[in-house]
N, C-alpha and C. Protein backbone atom coordinates (compact mmCIF):
# COMPACT_ATOMS: atom_id res chain seq x y z
N UNK A 1 5.16 21.51 38.51
CA UNK A 1 3.94 22.21 38.84
C UNK A 1 3.55 23.10 37.66
N UNK A 2 2.35 22.93 37.17
CA UNK A 2 1.86 23.73 36.06
C UNK A 2 1.13 24.96 36.58
N UNK A 3 1.38 26.09 35.96
CA UNK A 3 0.67 27.32 36.30
C UNK A 3 -0.22 27.65 35.11
N UNK A 4 -1.51 27.45 35.24
CA UNK A 4 -2.42 27.62 34.11
C UNK A 4 -3.24 28.90 34.18
N UNK A 5 -2.85 29.86 35.03
CA UNK A 5 -3.63 31.09 35.14
C UNK A 5 -2.80 32.29 34.70
N UNK A 6 -1.93 32.12 33.74
CA UNK A 6 -1.08 33.21 33.27
C UNK A 6 -1.87 34.34 32.65
N UNK A 7 -2.94 34.02 31.95
CA UNK A 7 -3.76 35.06 31.32
C UNK A 7 -4.46 35.93 32.34
N UNK A 8 -4.94 35.32 33.41
CA UNK A 8 -5.61 36.09 34.44
C UNK A 8 -4.64 37.03 35.14
N UNK A 9 -3.41 36.59 35.33
CA UNK A 9 -2.40 37.44 35.96
C UNK A 9 -2.09 38.65 35.07
N UNK A 10 -2.04 38.43 33.78
CA UNK A 10 -1.76 39.52 32.86
C UNK A 10 -2.90 40.54 32.86
N UNK A 11 -4.14 40.06 32.90
CA UNK A 11 -5.29 40.96 32.93
C UNK A 11 -5.29 41.76 34.22
N UNK A 12 -5.04 41.11 35.35
CA UNK A 12 -4.98 41.82 36.63
C UNK A 12 -3.85 42.84 36.62
N UNK A 13 -2.70 42.47 36.07
CA UNK A 13 -1.56 43.39 36.01
C UNK A 13 -1.87 44.63 35.19
N UNK A 14 -2.49 44.43 34.03
CA UNK A 14 -2.86 45.58 33.20
C UNK A 14 -3.94 46.41 33.87
N UNK A 15 -4.87 45.74 34.56
CA UNK A 15 -5.89 46.46 35.29
C UNK A 15 -5.30 47.28 36.42
N UNK A 16 -4.30 46.73 37.11
CA UNK A 16 -3.63 47.45 38.18
C UNK A 16 -2.95 48.71 37.64
N UNK A 17 -2.24 48.57 36.54
CA UNK A 17 -1.53 49.71 35.96
C UNK A 17 -2.53 50.79 35.54
N UNK A 18 -3.60 50.38 34.88
CA UNK A 18 -4.61 51.34 34.45
C UNK A 18 -5.29 52.02 35.62
N UNK A 19 -5.63 51.26 36.66
CA UNK A 19 -6.27 51.84 37.84
C UNK A 19 -5.32 52.77 38.57
N UNK A 20 -4.04 52.39 38.66
CA UNK A 20 -3.06 53.25 39.32
C UNK A 20 -2.92 54.58 38.58
N UNK A 21 -2.86 54.54 37.27
CA UNK A 21 -2.77 55.77 36.48
C UNK A 21 -4.01 56.63 36.70
N UNK A 22 -5.17 55.99 36.71
CA UNK A 22 -6.43 56.72 36.91
C UNK A 22 -6.48 57.38 38.29
N UNK A 23 -6.26 56.59 39.36
CA UNK A 23 -6.38 57.13 40.71
C UNK A 23 -5.28 58.13 41.03
N UNK A 24 -4.05 57.87 40.63
CA UNK A 24 -2.95 58.80 40.91
C UNK A 24 -3.11 60.07 40.08
N UNK A 25 -3.63 59.94 38.88
CA UNK A 25 -3.86 61.12 38.04
C UNK A 25 -4.89 62.08 38.63
N UNK A 26 -5.82 61.58 39.39
CA UNK A 26 -6.84 62.41 40.01
C UNK A 26 -6.43 62.92 41.40
N UNK A 27 -5.29 62.46 41.91
CA UNK A 27 -4.86 62.83 43.26
C UNK A 27 -4.35 64.26 43.29
N UNK A 28 -4.75 64.99 44.34
CA UNK A 28 -4.32 66.37 44.52
C UNK A 28 -3.11 66.48 45.44
N UNK A 29 -2.90 65.49 46.29
CA UNK A 29 -1.78 65.52 47.23
C UNK A 29 -1.01 64.21 47.15
N UNK A 30 0.14 64.19 47.80
CA UNK A 30 0.96 62.98 47.83
C UNK A 30 0.23 61.84 48.53
N UNK A 31 -0.45 62.15 49.63
CA UNK A 31 -1.17 61.11 50.38
C UNK A 31 -2.35 60.56 49.59
N UNK A 32 -3.01 61.39 48.82
CA UNK A 32 -4.09 60.90 47.97
C UNK A 32 -3.52 60.02 46.85
N UNK A 33 -2.33 60.33 46.40
CA UNK A 33 -1.66 59.47 45.41
C UNK A 33 -1.32 58.11 45.99
N UNK A 34 -0.84 58.11 47.25
CA UNK A 34 -0.54 56.84 47.92
C UNK A 34 -1.83 56.03 48.11
N UNK A 35 -2.91 56.69 48.48
CA UNK A 35 -4.20 56.01 48.61
C UNK A 35 -4.66 55.48 47.26
N UNK A 36 -4.35 56.20 46.19
CA UNK A 36 -4.69 55.74 44.84
C UNK A 36 -3.99 54.45 44.49
N UNK A 37 -2.74 54.29 44.92
CA UNK A 37 -2.01 53.03 44.68
C UNK A 37 -2.69 51.89 45.44
N UNK A 38 -3.10 52.15 46.68
CA UNK A 38 -3.79 51.12 47.45
C UNK A 38 -5.13 50.76 46.82
N UNK A 39 -5.85 51.76 46.33
CA UNK A 39 -7.12 51.49 45.65
C UNK A 39 -6.89 50.67 44.38
N UNK A 40 -5.81 50.93 43.70
CA UNK A 40 -5.50 50.19 42.47
C UNK A 40 -5.25 48.71 42.76
N UNK A 41 -4.75 48.41 43.96
CA UNK A 41 -4.52 47.01 44.32
C UNK A 41 -5.82 46.24 44.51
N UNK A 42 -6.86 46.92 44.95
CA UNK A 42 -8.12 46.24 45.28
C UNK A 42 -9.26 46.60 44.33
N UNK A 43 -8.95 47.06 43.14
CA UNK A 43 -10.01 47.47 42.22
C UNK A 43 -10.99 46.34 41.88
N UNK A 44 -10.58 45.07 41.83
CA UNK A 44 -11.58 44.03 41.54
C UNK A 44 -12.67 43.93 42.61
N UNK A 45 -12.34 44.27 43.84
CA UNK A 45 -13.34 44.24 44.91
C UNK A 45 -14.46 45.22 44.59
N UNK A 46 -14.11 46.43 44.18
CA UNK A 46 -15.11 47.42 43.82
C UNK A 46 -15.95 46.96 42.63
N UNK A 47 -15.29 46.37 41.65
CA UNK A 47 -15.98 45.90 40.46
C UNK A 47 -17.01 44.84 40.79
N UNK A 48 -16.62 43.85 41.58
CA UNK A 48 -17.54 42.77 41.95
C UNK A 48 -18.67 43.30 42.83
N UNK A 49 -18.34 44.16 43.78
CA UNK A 49 -19.35 44.71 44.69
C UNK A 49 -20.44 45.46 43.91
N UNK A 50 -20.04 46.37 43.04
CA UNK A 50 -21.03 47.15 42.30
C UNK A 50 -21.77 46.31 41.25
N UNK A 51 -21.08 45.32 40.67
CA UNK A 51 -21.76 44.43 39.73
C UNK A 51 -22.85 43.62 40.43
N UNK A 52 -22.54 43.08 41.60
CA UNK A 52 -23.53 42.32 42.35
C UNK A 52 -24.66 43.22 42.85
N UNK A 53 -24.32 44.44 43.23
CA UNK A 53 -25.36 45.39 43.66
C UNK A 53 -26.29 45.70 42.49
N UNK A 54 -25.75 45.84 41.30
CA UNK A 54 -26.56 46.11 40.12
C UNK A 54 -27.44 44.92 39.77
N UNK A 55 -26.89 43.72 39.86
CA UNK A 55 -27.63 42.52 39.50
C UNK A 55 -28.71 42.17 40.53
N UNK A 56 -28.56 42.65 41.75
CA UNK A 56 -29.53 42.33 42.80
C UNK A 56 -30.81 43.16 42.68
N UNK A 57 -30.81 44.17 41.86
CA UNK A 57 -31.99 45.03 41.70
C UNK A 57 -33.08 44.35 40.94
């Protein structure tokens, strides 16, 4: 079985790390830090949503 999406996994991984640092760095409490980790997991959803919202104008 060939896995041909290695580059996309690396980009998502780096994006996750960067988003986690960003969201956790802005957290004031432990629970906000935990929420920041969850937000870092779904950051592409926000990106696509706002990009499509921008393009729909």
